[in-house]
Amino acid sequence: MSDEMTTQAPKTLGDLVPKMEVKGTVKRIELFGAFVDIGIGQDALLHISQLGQPNVRNVEDVVKAGEEITAYVLKVDPANSRVALSLVKPPDFSWDDLQEGQMISGKVVRVEGYGVFIDIGAERPGMVHVSELADDYVKSPSDIAKVGDTVQARIIKINRKKRQIDMSMKSHAEPIPTVESVEVDEKVPTAMELALREAMEGKRSARDRRESRERERREKIMREQEDIIARTLRSHSQ
């Protein structure tokens, strides 16, 4: 969120954008929330669900008419000239802002035996599993990071349904191609395969030679028989 967004007071509905910090005065209280004058010529609604406290039954337990408050723009509806506010500071990153492969700086807020949790300004902290804390083997996450440390981590998986963000602090080097990842046009034969192939080719050559000799022998016999038949026919015709 820019400094201009948080310090420059809006004057019209068109000046408002979601997440903007605004100051205003509570004008009136209703059962469902409070209406706040934020200086744009129309009141904005602070719904009871956006008061920043769980299970609020009475709006006046949190805000009172005439009180000056700091709130955040939750939603702007220009078509209906409506503005929704919240007392809860919005996260820097929404779920739509987060992408796998994204590098983000954050603060370590919890260390467990299986990994560390990092506040990256999103709705939920990201988790770095112990296996993703460093390139080398890590015995204990506390050897790598402590609560309060500012670290750089890369998002490796996002589960929006479960609201989980998995991260890694390993170096992001380009992967080295492995034999399995390289496509080859022809399999390279082993020495045993070559020997077997040569033996098979030798057998085929010997068989071909035998078949050729047998074919020549049969053709010779056929020629001799044809010659005998021809001579016999000639002798009968004389």
Protein backbone atom coordinates (compact mmCIF):
# COMPACT_ATOMS: atom_id res chain seq x y z
CA MET A 1 0.00 0.00 0.00
CA SER A 2 1.55 3.36 -1.04
CA ASP A 3 2.08 6.34 1.28
CA GLU A 4 -0.13 8.44 -0.99
CA MET A 5 -2.95 5.92 -0.57
CA THR A 6 -2.76 6.10 3.23
CA THR A 7 -2.12 9.84 3.80
CA GLN A 8 -4.08 11.71 1.12
CA ALA A 9 -7.69 12.14 2.23
CA PRO A 10 -10.26 11.18 -0.45
CA LYS A 11 -12.72 13.84 -1.56
CA THR A 12 -14.99 11.90 -3.92
CA LEU A 13 -16.19 8.35 -4.44
CA GLY A 14 -13.81 8.07 -7.37
CA ASP A 15 -10.83 8.63 -5.08
CA LEU A 16 -11.53 5.44 -3.14
CA VAL A 17 -9.86 2.11 -3.83
CA PRO A 18 -9.99 -1.13 -1.84
CA LYS A 19 -7.47 -1.40 1.04
CA MET A 20 -7.19 2.39 1.30
CA GLU A 21 -6.85 3.72 4.83
CA VAL A 22 -9.37 6.46 5.65
CA LYS A 23 -10.29 8.55 8.68
CA GLY A 24 -13.85 9.50 9.52
CA THR A 25 -16.47 10.31 12.11
CA VAL A 26 -19.20 7.91 13.18
CA LYS A 27 -22.49 9.65 12.29
CA ARG A 28 -25.09 7.14 13.48
CA ILE A 29 -25.40 3.63 14.89
CA GLU A 30 -27.75 0.93 13.61
CA LEU A 31 -28.29 -2.68 14.67
CA PHE A 32 -26.32 -3.93 11.65
CA GLY A 33 -23.45 -1.46 11.86
CA ALA A 34 -22.43 2.19 11.80
CA PHE A 35 -22.44 4.92 9.15
CA VAL A 36 -19.24 6.90 8.91
CA ASP A 37 -18.53 10.28 7.32
CA ILE A 38 -15.19 9.92 5.49
CA GLY A 39 -15.36 13.29 3.69
CA ILE A 40 -16.68 12.28 0.26
CA GLY A 41 -20.17 13.74 0.61
CA GLN A 42 -21.89 10.46 1.53
CA ASP A 43 -21.59 8.11 4.48
CA ALA A 44 -19.83 4.76 4.28
CA LEU A 45 -21.11 1.63 6.02
CA LEU A 46 -19.09 -0.10 8.71
CA HIS A 47 -20.90 -3.45 9.05
CA ILE A 48 -21.07 -5.19 12.43
CA SER A 49 -19.07 -8.10 10.98
CA GLN A 50 -16.16 -5.74 10.18
CA LEU A 51 -15.63 -4.29 13.67
CA GLY A 52 -12.53 -6.39 14.27
CA GLN A 53 -13.92 -8.31 17.22
CA PRO A 54 -15.64 -11.71 17.30
CA ASN A 55 -19.30 -12.15 18.25
CA VAL A 56 -20.20 -8.46 18.53
CA ARG A 57 -23.83 -8.08 19.53
CA ASN A 58 -23.95 -4.35 20.19
CA VAL A 59 -22.20 -2.02 17.74
CA GLU A 60 -21.81 0.65 20.44
CA ASP A 61 -19.59 -1.73 22.39
CA VAL A 62 -16.95 -1.02 19.74
CA VAL A 63 -17.71 2.40 18.19
CA LYS A 64 -19.93 5.28 19.28
CA ALA A 65 -21.62 8.15 17.49
CA GLY A 66 -19.36 11.20 17.21
CA GLU A 67 -16.20 9.12 17.58
CA GLU A 68 -13.35 9.59 15.11
CA ILE A 69 -12.02 6.32 13.76
CA THR A 70 -9.46 4.94 11.31
CA ALA A 71 -10.87 2.38 8.90
CA TYR A 72 -10.04 0.66 5.61
CA VAL A 73 -12.01 0.61 2.38
CA LEU A 74 -13.38 -2.88 1.94
CA LYS A 75 -15.47 -2.40 -1.21
CA VAL A 76 -16.51 0.41 -3.54
CA ASP A 77 -19.73 0.16 -5.55
CA PRO A 78 -19.82 3.22 -7.88
CA ALA A 79 -23.02 2.06 -9.62
CA ASN A 80 -24.98 2.22 -6.37
CA SER A 81 -22.82 4.89 -4.68
CA ARG A 82 -21.98 2.60 -1.79
CA VAL A 83 -18.80 2.20 0.26
CA ALA A 84 -18.08 -0.59 2.72
CA LEU A 85 -15.51 -0.13 5.48
CA SER A 86 -13.66 -2.40 7.88
CA LEU A 87 -11.72 -1.80 11.09
CA VAL A 88 -9.52 -4.79 10.16
CA LYS A 89 -6.41 -3.86 8.20
CA PRO A 90 -6.55 -5.82 4.92
CA PRO A 91 -3.68 -8.13 3.99
CA ASP A 92 -1.03 -6.83 1.61
CA PHE A 93 -1.61 -9.89 -0.58
CA SER A 94 -4.98 -11.39 -1.43
CA TRP A 95 -5.24 -15.02 -2.53
CA ASP A 96 -5.47 -13.81 -6.12
CA ASP A 97 -2.22 -11.85 -5.71
CA LEU A 98 -0.21 -14.90 -4.66
CA GLN A 99 1.46 -17.01 -7.33
CA GLU A 100 3.67 -20.10 -7.24
CA GLY A 101 7.33 -19.18 -7.79
CA GLN A 102 6.85 -15.73 -6.25
CA MET A 103 9.63 -14.50 -3.92
CA ILE A 104 8.34 -12.67 -0.83
CA SER A 105 10.01 -11.15 2.22
CA GLY A 106 8.38 -11.91 5.56
CA LYS A 107 8.86 -12.18 9.31
CA VAL A 108 9.11 -15.48 11.17
CA VAL A 109 6.18 -15.65 13.61
CA ARG A 110 6.40 -19.27 14.79
CA VAL A 111 8.96 -22.07 14.89
CA GLU A 112 7.93 -25.71 15.16
CA GLY A 113 9.84 -28.97 14.98
CA TYR A 114 8.59 -29.56 11.45
CA GLY A 115 9.18 -26.06 10.07
CA VAL A 116 8.65 -22.33 10.46
CA PHE A 117 5.71 -19.99 9.79
CA ILE A 118 6.30 -16.67 8.04
CA ASP A 119 4.04 -13.62 8.02
CA ILE A 120 4.15 -12.42 4.40
CA GLY A 121 1.27 -9.96 4.66
CA ALA A 122 -1.31 -12.45 3.45
CA GLU A 123 -4.43 -13.73 5.16
CA ARG A 124 -2.47 -16.69 6.52
CA PRO A 125 1.24 -17.14 7.29
CA GLY A 126 3.23 -19.22 4.84
CA MET A 127 4.89 -22.41 6.09
CA VAL A 128 8.42 -23.53 5.26
CA HIS A 129 8.82 -27.24 5.97
CA VAL A 130 12.10 -28.31 7.59
CA SER A 131 13.08 -30.01 4.32
CA GLU A 132 12.75 -26.66 2.50
CA LEU A 133 14.70 -24.49 4.98
CA ALA A 134 18.12 -24.92 3.36
CA ASP A 135 19.92 -26.74 0.57
CA ASP A 136 21.71 -28.94 3.12
CA TYR A 137 20.26 -31.20 5.80
CA VAL A 138 18.58 -29.31 8.66
CA LYS A 139 18.37 -31.04 12.02
CA SER A 140 16.23 -28.40 13.74
CA PRO A 141 14.36 -25.41 12.23
CA SER A 142 15.60 -23.27 15.13
CA ASP A 143 19.11 -23.68 13.73
CA ILE A 144 18.03 -21.73 10.64
CA ALA A 145 15.46 -19.16 11.80
CA LYS A 146 14.09 -17.61 14.96
CA VAL A 147 10.89 -15.70 15.75
CA GLY A 148 11.30 -12.11 14.59
CA ASP A 149 13.79 -12.89 11.80
CA THR A 150 13.10 -11.33 8.40
CA VAL A 151 13.63 -13.90 5.65
CA GLN A 152 13.16 -14.31 1.92
CA ALA A 153 11.12 -17.31 0.78
CA ARG A 154 9.62 -18.61 -2.45
CA ILE A 155 6.05 -19.84 -2.80
CA ILE A 156 6.10 -23.44 -4.04
CA LYS A 157 2.45 -24.42 -3.56
CA ILE A 158 -0.86 -22.66 -2.88
CA ASN A 159 -3.97 -24.48 -1.68
CA ARG A 160 -6.67 -21.82 -1.83
CA LYS A 161 -9.35 -24.27 -0.69
CA LYS A 162 -7.50 -25.11 2.54
CA ARG A 163 -5.97 -21.62 2.82
CA GLN A 164 -2.43 -23.00 2.93
CA ILE A 165 0.77 -21.48 1.54
CA ASP A 166 3.83 -23.74 1.26
CA MET A 167 7.16 -21.97 0.86
CA SER A 168 10.85 -22.74 0.41
CA MET A 169 14.05 -21.00 1.51
CA LYS A 170 16.28 -23.16 -0.68
CA SER A 171 18.40 -21.51 -3.34
CA HIS A 172 16.47 -21.26 -6.61
CA ALA A 173 19.06 -22.74 -8.98
CA GLU A 174 18.17 -24.02 -12.42
CA PRO A 175 17.64 -27.80 -12.30
CA ILE A 176 20.31 -29.98 -13.93
CA PRO A 177 18.77 -32.19 -16.62
CA THR A 178 18.77 -35.85 -15.67
CA VAL A 179 18.91 -38.88 -17.93
CA GLU A 180 15.19 -39.41 -17.37
CA SER A 181 14.33 -35.86 -18.48
CA VAL A 182 16.35 -36.00 -21.73
CA GLU A 183 14.58 -37.46 -24.72
CA VAL A 184 16.67 -39.70 -26.99
CA ASP A 185 15.72 -40.92 -30.43
CA GLU A 186 17.27 -44.36 -30.04
CA LYS A 187 18.21 -46.49 -27.06
CA VAL A 188 21.97 -47.03 -26.77
CA PRO A 189 22.62 -50.82 -26.75
CA THR A 190 24.73 -52.42 -24.05
CA ALA A 191 27.75 -54.62 -24.76
CA MET A 192 25.69 -57.74 -24.11
CA GLU A 193 22.98 -56.52 -26.46
CA LEU A 194 25.60 -55.84 -29.17
CA ALA A 195 27.06 -59.33 -28.77
CA LEU A 196 23.61 -60.90 -28.95
CA ARG A 197 22.78 -58.82 -32.00
CA GLU A 198 25.98 -59.92 -33.77
CA ALA A 199 25.28 -63.54 -32.91
CA MET A 200 21.74 -63.28 -34.27
CA GLU A 201 23.01 -61.60 -37.43
CA GLY A 202 25.59 -64.39 -37.80
CA LYS A 203 22.88 -67.02 -37.48
CA ARG A 204 20.74 -65.19 -40.01
CA SER A 205 23.68 -65.01 -42.47
CA ALA A 206 24.41 -68.74 -42.17
CA ARG A 207 20.72 -69.56 -42.59
CA ASP A 208 20.52 -67.29 -45.63
CA ARG A 209 23.53 -69.03 -47.19
CA ARG A 210 22.00 -72.48 -46.59
CA GLU A 211 18.69 -71.37 -48.06
CA SER A 212 20.46 -69.91 -51.09
CA ARG A 213 22.39 -73.15 -51.75
CA GLU A 214 19.19 -75.19 -51.35
CA ARG A 215 17.37 -72.91 -53.75
CA GLU A 216 20.16 -73.24 -56.32
CA ARG A 217 20.13 -77.04 -55.91
CA ARG A 218 16.37 -77.21 -56.53
CA GLU A 219 16.63 -74.91 -59.53
CA LYS A 220 19.40 -77.13 -60.99
CA ILE A 221 17.29 -80.22 -60.54
CA MET A 222 14.33 -78.52 -62.18
CA ARG A 223 16.47 -77.47 -65.15
CA GLU A 224 17.80 -81.02 -65.53
CA GLN A 225 14.28 -82.44 -65.38
CA GLU A 226 13.06 -79.92 -67.92
CA ASP A 227 15.98 -80.85 -70.20
CA ILE A 228 15.17 -84.57 -69.93
CA ILE A 229 11.51 -83.90 -70.68
CA ALA A 230 12.45 -81.77 -73.67
CA ARG A 231 14.74 -84.47 -75.08
CA THR A 232 12.09 -87.11 -74.55
CA LEU A 233 9.52 -85.06 -76.40
CA ARG A 234 11.87 -84.45 -79.27
CA SER A 235 12.66 -88.20 -79.60
CA HIS A 236 8.95 -89.07 -79.75
CA SER A 237 8.32 -86.49 -82.41
CA GLN A 238 10.93 -87.88 -84.79
